[in-house]
Amino acid sequence: MTAQQMKVGDPNPARAGGRIVLWASGAWALPLLGIAFWILPASGPARTLIFLFAVIIAPIPTLLFMSRQRNRLLSRAARAEENTEQLKLQLDTVRFRTARLREELQAADRQARLSHQLTLLGQFTAGFMHEFNNPLAIVAGRIEVLLDERKEDAALCVDLDQMLKETRYMGNIARTLLQALRRERGGEVFEASIPQQALEEALAALRPTAKSHAVSLIEEIAEAPLVDVPEHVIGEVVRGLLSNALEALKGQEEGVIWVRLEPYRTAGVRVVVRIEDNGPGVPEDIREHLFEPFISHSSGRERLGLGLFLAASLLDMYDGRIRYEVRDGGGASFVVELPPARFTRGQPYHWFAGGASE
């Protein structure tokens, strides 16, 4: 085969030359065949057998070489496949890390926008509370004057007293709200509160709304110690949860809300309040972000703004907790944990003795 033929027949001249050498290697049997013809008798059958034997053994080097080449190619193919798998794993790792980085960047962007929103909200709330407290104090003062002037009218005094109580409650919440938005615990000194009383007052405030919505309020309030949380904070959290439950049960037949203060059995553990309803519950896709602000703007129970965020912030200021649980049988269950008041020298056994010390 000429060089031109090698070039045309195979694009790789070295490979074509290797094939010529490979086929020519079968000529090693020719000397053996000549010696055999010279030594052995010149009979036809003997020479035929010798020729056949030479033909059989002639390709042995070629076969050995091809077997070696085959094994080498298989080894290369195995290494190539292994490298391919490693590259796939590395590519999957890069994709996973890229997705994680993208999620982290999106979360950081959401957090930055949320921080900006909360900053603006805190600035707005500070100015609003200043303007809000002034007329609220005037209203409270005027109600006190009316109570003194109309003390002969017992029925009117009952209404005025309730109005004064609600006005003072609004003042307490307005003062605490700014602290919650700033995530700062107030420096005010407060007395340990009675959780039963806070629950009953919250229920009394929202019972007319529940009646108008045809929703049953079931109270299961057991005995519990005093808690180290201001009464108006407990009331605000419970009112918010009750309002959310009433909103979720709007238009539903046989709607029920359970307000439970669990029996207190072990000293030092938290006092547990449960607000449950048989409504639609909270959608699963927003449960992890339930206590974050501005997570949704859709209707129904998915419409979540600042209510639960403020409830969690208020409780966090006083070492309280709130969490969501799926209620057995359907509906929602919000669990509020309150720290019990510590015993003091002046009030060492305030709960076990049956109440505050005199």
Protein backbone atom coordinates (compact mmCIF):
# COMPACT_ATOMS: atom_id res chain seq x y z
CA MET A 1 0.00 0.00 0.00
CA THR A 2 1.40 3.35 -1.00
CA ALA A 3 1.44 6.48 1.08
CA GLN A 4 -1.30 7.95 -1.07
CA GLN A 5 -3.44 4.84 -0.54
CA MET A 6 -2.83 4.99 3.20
CA LYS A 7 -3.88 8.62 3.24
CA VAL A 8 -7.07 7.90 1.27
CA GLY A 9 -7.97 4.65 2.99
CA ASP A 10 -7.40 5.79 6.57
CA PRO A 11 -7.28 9.35 7.86
CA ASN A 12 -4.62 8.23 10.37
CA PRO A 13 -1.45 7.05 8.54
CA ALA A 14 0.12 5.69 11.73
CA ARG A 15 -2.91 3.52 12.32
CA ALA A 16 -2.83 2.25 8.71
CA GLY A 17 0.89 1.42 9.04
CA GLY A 18 0.20 -0.41 12.28
CA ARG A 19 -2.36 -2.56 10.53
CA ILE A 20 0.20 -3.49 7.79
CA VAL A 21 2.76 -4.49 10.41
CA LEU A 22 0.08 -6.43 12.28
CA TRP A 23 -0.90 -8.44 9.24
CA ALA A 24 2.72 -8.94 8.21
CA SER A 25 3.49 -10.41 11.65
CA GLY A 26 1.85 -13.62 10.49
CA ALA A 27 4.91 -14.29 8.33
CA TRP A 28 6.81 -15.58 11.39
CA ALA A 29 5.46 -19.03 10.61
CA LEU A 30 7.08 -19.13 7.14
CA PRO A 31 10.61 -20.05 8.38
CA LEU A 32 9.14 -22.84 10.47
CA LEU A 33 7.18 -24.03 7.50
CA GLY A 34 10.34 -24.08 5.31
CA ILE A 35 12.35 -26.02 7.91
CA ALA A 36 9.55 -28.51 8.26
CA PHE A 37 9.37 -29.01 4.50
CA TRP A 38 13.19 -29.57 4.39
CA ILE A 39 13.35 -32.04 7.30
CA LEU A 40 10.15 -34.04 6.86
CA PRO A 41 9.49 -36.34 3.92
CA ALA A 42 8.11 -34.68 0.82
CA SER A 43 4.82 -36.56 0.93
CA GLY A 44 1.63 -34.80 0.06
CA PRO A 45 -0.34 -35.48 3.27
CA ALA A 46 2.53 -34.51 5.56
CA ARG A 47 3.14 -31.25 3.81
CA THR A 48 -0.58 -30.54 3.83
CA LEU A 49 -0.76 -31.06 7.57
CA ILE A 50 2.31 -28.91 8.08
CA PHE A 51 0.81 -26.17 5.92
CA LEU A 52 -2.49 -26.28 7.82
CA PHE A 53 -0.63 -26.17 11.14
CA ALA A 54 1.34 -23.13 9.98
CA VAL A 55 -1.84 -21.42 8.84
CA ILE A 56 -3.42 -22.06 12.23
CA ILE A 57 -0.53 -20.76 14.33
CA ALA A 58 0.32 -17.82 12.08
CA PRO A 59 -2.42 -15.46 13.48
CA ILE A 60 -1.48 -16.13 17.12
CA PRO A 61 0.58 -12.90 17.53
CA THR A 62 -2.19 -10.96 15.85
CA LEU A 63 -4.82 -12.45 18.15
CA LEU A 64 -2.68 -11.77 21.22
CA PHE A 65 -2.10 -8.21 20.11
CA MET A 66 -5.80 -7.66 19.41
CA SER A 67 -6.75 -9.14 22.78
CA ARG A 68 -4.33 -6.79 24.48
CA GLN A 69 -5.69 -3.86 22.49
CA ARG A 70 -9.25 -4.87 23.39
CA ASN A 71 -8.44 -4.99 27.08
CA ARG A 72 -6.74 -1.62 26.82
CA LEU A 73 -9.73 -0.10 25.06
CA LEU A 74 -12.13 -1.59 27.61
CA SER A 75 -10.00 -0.12 30.41
CA ARG A 76 -10.02 3.28 28.71
CA ALA A 77 -13.77 3.05 28.21
CA ALA A 78 -14.27 2.19 31.89
CA ARG A 79 -12.08 5.13 32.95
CA ALA A 80 -13.93 7.40 30.55
CA GLU A 81 -17.28 6.25 31.95
CA GLU A 82 -16.02 6.79 35.49
CA ASN A 83 -14.79 10.26 34.57
CA THR A 84 -18.14 10.98 32.97
CA GLU A 85 -19.97 9.97 36.15
CA GLN A 86 -17.63 12.13 38.22
CA LEU A 87 -18.25 15.06 35.89
CA LYS A 88 -22.00 14.48 36.21
CA LEU A 89 -21.71 14.47 40.00
CA GLN A 90 -19.63 17.64 39.91
CA LEU A 91 -22.17 19.24 37.57
CA ASP A 92 -25.03 18.24 39.89
CA THR A 93 -23.08 19.68 42.81
CA VAL A 94 -22.54 22.93 40.94
CA ARG A 95 -26.23 23.07 40.05
CA PHE A 96 -27.22 22.39 43.65
CA ARG A 97 -24.86 25.05 44.98
CA THR A 98 -26.09 27.48 42.35
CA ALA A 99 -29.70 26.83 43.36
CA ARG A 100 -28.78 27.26 47.04
CA LEU A 101 -26.97 30.50 46.33
CA ARG A 102 -29.92 31.73 44.30
CA GLU A 103 -32.29 30.88 47.17
CA GLU A 104 -30.00 32.56 49.69
CA LEU A 105 -29.77 35.66 47.51
CA GLN A 106 -33.54 35.74 47.15
CA ALA A 107 -33.95 35.27 50.92
CA ALA A 108 -31.42 38.03 51.58
CA ASP A 109 -33.25 40.29 49.16
CA ARG A 110 -36.59 39.55 50.84
CA GLN A 111 -35.02 40.14 54.25
CA ALA A 112 -33.55 43.45 53.10
CA ARG A 113 -36.90 44.59 51.72
CA LEU A 114 -38.63 43.41 54.90
CA SER A 115 -36.13 45.27 57.08
CA HIS A 116 -36.75 48.38 55.03
CA GLN A 117 -40.51 47.95 55.42
CA LEU A 118 -40.18 47.46 59.16
CA THR A 119 -37.93 50.50 59.44
CA LEU A 120 -40.51 52.62 57.65
CA LEU A 121 -43.25 51.05 59.73
CA GLY A 122 -41.39 51.79 62.96
CA GLN A 123 -40.87 55.42 61.94
CA PHE A 124 -44.51 55.74 61.00
CA THR A 125 -45.67 54.05 64.20
CA ALA A 126 -43.53 56.30 66.38
CA GLY A 127 -45.12 59.41 64.88
CA PHE A 128 -48.57 57.87 64.91
CA MET A 129 -48.35 56.81 68.54
CA HIS A 130 -47.35 60.30 69.56
CA GLU A 131 -50.40 61.75 67.83
CA PHE A 132 -52.61 58.87 68.96
CA ASN A 133 -51.78 59.00 72.67
CA ASN A 134 -52.66 62.65 73.07
CA PRO A 135 -56.36 62.40 72.08
CA LEU A 136 -56.56 59.01 73.81
CA ALA A 137 -55.41 60.59 77.07
CA ILE A 138 -57.98 63.37 76.59
CA VAL A 139 -60.75 60.79 76.04
CA ALA A 140 -59.69 58.84 79.14
CA GLY A 141 -59.62 62.02 81.21
CA ARG A 142 -63.05 63.08 79.96
CA ILE A 143 -64.52 59.67 80.80
CA GLU A 144 -63.13 59.96 84.31
CA VAL A 145 -64.81 63.35 84.65
CA LEU A 146 -68.09 61.92 83.37
CA LEU A 147 -67.88 59.07 85.85
CA ASP A 148 -67.58 61.59 88.67
CA GLU A 149 -70.31 63.85 87.31
CA ARG A 150 -72.82 61.08 86.53
CA LYS A 151 -72.16 58.78 89.46
CA GLU A 152 -75.88 58.84 90.30
CA ASP A 153 -76.69 57.05 87.01
CA ALA A 154 -75.60 53.49 87.76
CA ALA A 155 -76.31 52.11 84.28
CA LEU A 156 -74.37 54.91 82.60
CA CYS A 157 -71.49 54.49 85.01
CA VAL A 158 -71.20 50.82 84.05
CA ASP A 159 -70.86 51.77 80.39
CA LEU A 160 -68.46 54.60 81.16
CA ASP A 161 -66.35 52.34 83.32
CA GLN A 162 -66.11 49.81 80.50
CA MET A 163 -65.19 52.57 78.06
CA LEU A 164 -62.49 53.82 80.42
CA LYS A 165 -61.14 50.32 80.81
CA GLU A 166 -60.94 49.83 77.05
CA THR A 167 -59.35 53.26 76.61
CA ARG A 168 -56.64 52.44 79.12
CA TYR A 169 -56.16 49.09 77.42
CA MET A 170 -55.65 50.88 74.11
CA GLY A 171 -53.10 53.15 75.74
CA ASN A 172 -51.16 50.18 77.11
CA ILE A 173 -51.15 48.43 73.74
CA ALA A 174 -50.13 51.62 71.94
CA ARG A 175 -47.20 52.02 74.33
CA THR A 176 -46.13 48.38 73.98
CA LEU A 177 -46.60 48.21 70.23
CA LEU A 178 -43.67 50.49 69.49
CA GLN A 179 -41.44 48.40 71.74
CA ALA A 180 -42.52 45.25 69.90
CA LEU A 181 -41.68 46.74 66.50
CA ARG A 182 -38.26 47.74 67.81
CA ARG A 183 -37.79 44.30 69.41
CA GLU A 184 -37.05 45.93 72.75
CA ARG A 185 -38.40 44.87 76.07
CA GLY A 186 -40.01 47.67 77.94
CA GLY A 187 -38.35 49.01 81.04
CA GLU A 188 -41.64 49.37 82.88
CA VAL A 189 -42.24 47.48 86.11
CA PHE A 190 -45.41 45.38 86.03
CA GLU A 191 -47.08 42.96 88.36
CA ALA A 192 -47.49 39.31 87.52
CA SER A 193 -50.83 38.85 85.80
CA ILE A 194 -53.62 36.32 86.18
CA PRO A 195 -53.99 34.44 82.87
CA GLN A 196 -57.57 33.38 83.65
CA GLN A 197 -58.62 36.99 84.01
CA ALA A 198 -56.92 38.06 80.78
CA LEU A 199 -58.65 35.24 78.87
CA GLU A 200 -62.06 36.05 80.32
CA GLU A 201 -61.73 39.73 79.45
CA ALA A 202 -60.68 38.92 75.89
CA LEU A 203 -63.63 36.55 75.54
CA ALA A 204 -66.02 39.15 76.91
CA ALA A 205 -64.79 41.71 74.39
CA LEU A 206 -65.29 39.41 71.39
CA ARG A 207 -68.32 37.41 72.46
CA PRO A 208 -70.77 39.82 70.73
CA THR A 209 -68.82 39.46 67.46
CA ALA A 210 -68.85 35.66 67.80
CA LYS A 211 -72.61 35.74 68.38
CA SER A 212 -73.18 37.85 65.27
CA HIS A 213 -71.10 35.33 63.26
CA ALA A 214 -73.02 32.39 64.75
CA VAL A 215 -69.78 31.01 66.17
CA SER A 216 -69.72 29.13 69.47
CA LEU A 217 -67.07 30.06 72.04
CA ILE A 218 -66.18 27.18 74.34
CA GLU A 219 -64.14 28.01 77.44
CA GLU A 220 -62.00 25.36 79.09
CA ILE A 221 -60.05 27.41 81.61
CA ALA A 222 -58.21 25.49 84.31
CA GLU A 223 -56.24 26.80 87.27
CA ALA A 224 -52.76 28.15 86.55
CA PRO A 225 -50.22 30.29 88.38
CA LEU A 226 -49.54 33.95 87.76
CA VAL A 227 -47.46 34.63 84.68
CA ASP A 228 -44.58 37.02 84.12
CA VAL A 229 -46.31 38.81 81.22
CA PRO A 230 -48.39 42.02 81.42
CA GLU A 231 -52.10 41.38 81.36
CA HIS A 232 -52.71 43.70 78.42
CA VAL A 233 -50.14 41.77 76.33
CA ILE A 234 -51.93 38.48 77.00
CA GLY A 235 -55.22 40.16 76.19
CA GLU A 236 -53.91 41.59 72.91
CA VAL A 237 -52.46 38.24 71.79
CA VAL A 238 -55.64 36.34 72.64
CA ARG A 239 -57.87 38.97 71.04
CA GLY A 240 -55.81 38.83 67.86
CA LEU A 241 -56.02 35.03 67.71
CA LEU A 242 -59.76 35.09 68.39
CA SER A 243 -60.29 37.73 65.70
CA ASN A 244 -58.35 35.63 63.19
CA ALA A 245 -60.40 32.56 64.09
CA LEU A 246 -63.67 34.49 63.74
CA GLU A 247 -62.55 35.77 60.34
CA ALA A 248 -61.68 32.23 59.22
CA LEU A 249 -65.07 30.89 60.38
CA LYS A 250 -67.11 33.64 58.72
CA GLY A 251 -69.89 32.05 56.68
CA GLN A 252 -69.18 28.54 58.01
CA GLU A 253 -71.98 26.60 59.65
CA GLU A 254 -71.44 25.29 63.19
CA GLY A 255 -68.23 27.19 63.67
CA VAL A 256 -66.59 26.58 67.05
CA ILE A 257 -63.67 28.22 68.83
CA TRP A 258 -62.09 26.58 71.86
CA VAL A 259 -60.20 28.70 74.38
CA ARG A 260 -58.20 26.42 76.67
CA LEU A 261 -55.97 27.19 79.59
CA GLU A 262 -54.32 23.85 80.28
CA PRO A 263 -54.05 22.55 83.84
CA TYR A 264 -50.74 23.39 85.47
CA ARG A 265 -49.08 20.28 86.88
CA THR A 266 -45.32 20.88 87.06
CA ALA A 267 -43.70 23.84 88.80
CA GLY A 268 -41.42 25.89 86.55
CA VAL A 269 -42.85 24.82 83.20
CA ARG A 270 -44.67 27.25 80.98
CA VAL A 271 -48.35 28.05 81.25
CA VAL A 272 -50.06 26.92 78.04
CA VAL A 273 -53.02 28.59 76.33
CA ARG A 274 -54.59 27.06 73.23
CA ILE A 275 -56.87 28.85 70.77
CA GLU A 276 -58.42 26.30 68.42
CA ASP A 277 -61.12 26.40 65.76
CA ASN A 278 -62.73 24.00 63.31
CA GLY A 279 -62.17 26.25 60.31
CA PRO A 280 -60.11 25.65 57.17
CA GLY A 281 -56.75 25.85 58.94
CA VAL A 282 -53.64 27.57 57.65
CA PRO A 283 -52.36 26.63 54.15
CA GLU A 284 -49.30 24.42 54.34
CA ASP A 285 -47.20 26.59 52.03
CA ILE A 286 -47.19 29.55 54.46
CA ARG A 287 -46.92 27.76 57.81
CA GLU A 288 -43.15 28.17 57.98
CA HIS A 289 -43.55 31.95 57.49
CA LEU A 290 -46.66 32.30 59.62
CA PHE A 291 -45.15 34.75 62.11
CA GLU A 292 -43.38 36.91 59.54
CA PRO A 293 -44.95 40.20 58.44
CA PHE A 294 -46.54 40.80 55.05
CA ILE A 295 -46.24 37.23 53.79
CA SER A 296 -49.45 37.19 51.76
CA HIS A 297 -52.19 39.42 50.43
CA SER A 298 -54.76 36.82 49.41
CA SER A 299 -58.21 36.39 50.91
CA GLY A 300 -59.42 34.15 53.73
CA ARG A 301 -57.02 32.73 56.25
CA GLU A 302 -54.13 33.31 53.86
CA ARG A 303 -54.47 37.07 54.35
CA LEU A 304 -51.75 37.55 56.92
CA GLY A 305 -50.31 40.93 57.73
CA LEU A 306 -48.87 42.14 61.01
CA GLY A 307 -51.22 40.48 63.51
CA LEU A 308 -49.34 37.24 64.18
CA PHE A 309 -45.98 38.95 63.76
CA LEU A 310 -46.87 41.48 66.46
CA ALA A 311 -48.24 38.73 68.70
CA ALA A 312 -44.98 36.79 68.41
CA SER A 313 -42.95 39.98 68.93
CA LEU A 314 -44.93 40.97 72.02
CA LEU A 315 -44.54 37.53 73.59
CA ASP A 316 -40.85 37.39 72.71
CA MET A 317 -40.29 40.58 74.71
CA TYR A 318 -41.42 38.76 77.85
CA ASP A 319 -39.91 35.32 77.13
CA GLY A 320 -43.19 33.96 75.81
CA ARG A 321 -43.72 31.83 72.71
CA ILE A 322 -46.41 31.16 70.13
CA ARG A 323 -46.58 28.35 67.59
CA TYR A 324 -49.04 26.80 65.16
CA GLU A 325 -50.26 23.22 65.20
CA VAL A 326 -52.63 21.31 62.93
CA ARG A 327 -55.72 20.49 64.92
CA ASP A 328 -56.92 16.90 65.03
CA GLY A 329 -60.14 16.71 63.07
CA GLY A 330 -59.32 19.76 60.96
CA GLY A 331 -58.88 23.41 61.73
CA ALA A 332 -56.16 25.47 63.37
CA SER A 333 -54.56 25.42 66.79
CA PHE A 334 -52.37 28.23 68.12
CA VAL A 335 -50.38 27.43 71.24
CA VAL A 336 -49.28 30.30 73.48
CA GLU A 337 -46.64 29.57 76.12
CA LEU A 338 -46.28 31.99 79.03
CA PRO A 339 -43.50 31.96 81.64
CA PRO A 340 -44.81 31.55 85.18
CA ALA A 341 -44.00 34.30 87.65
CA ARG A 342 -41.04 33.54 89.90
CA PHE A 343 -41.52 33.40 93.63
CA THR A 344 -40.36 36.51 95.44
CA ARG A 345 -39.59 37.32 99.06
CA GLY A 346 -42.73 39.41 99.36
CA GLN A 347 -44.90 36.95 97.43
CA PRO A 348 -43.31 33.51 97.84
CA TYR A 349 -46.34 31.28 97.39
CA HIS A 350 -48.74 33.44 95.44
CA TRP A 351 -50.26 30.61 93.45
CA PHE A 352 -50.08 27.67 95.83
CA ALA A 353 -51.54 29.86 98.56
CA GLY A 354 -54.52 30.60 96.32
CA GLY A 355 -53.64 34.01 94.89
CA ALA A 356 -51.54 37.09 95.44
CA SER A 357 -50.31 37.85 98.94
CA GLU A 358 -52.24 40.45 100.80
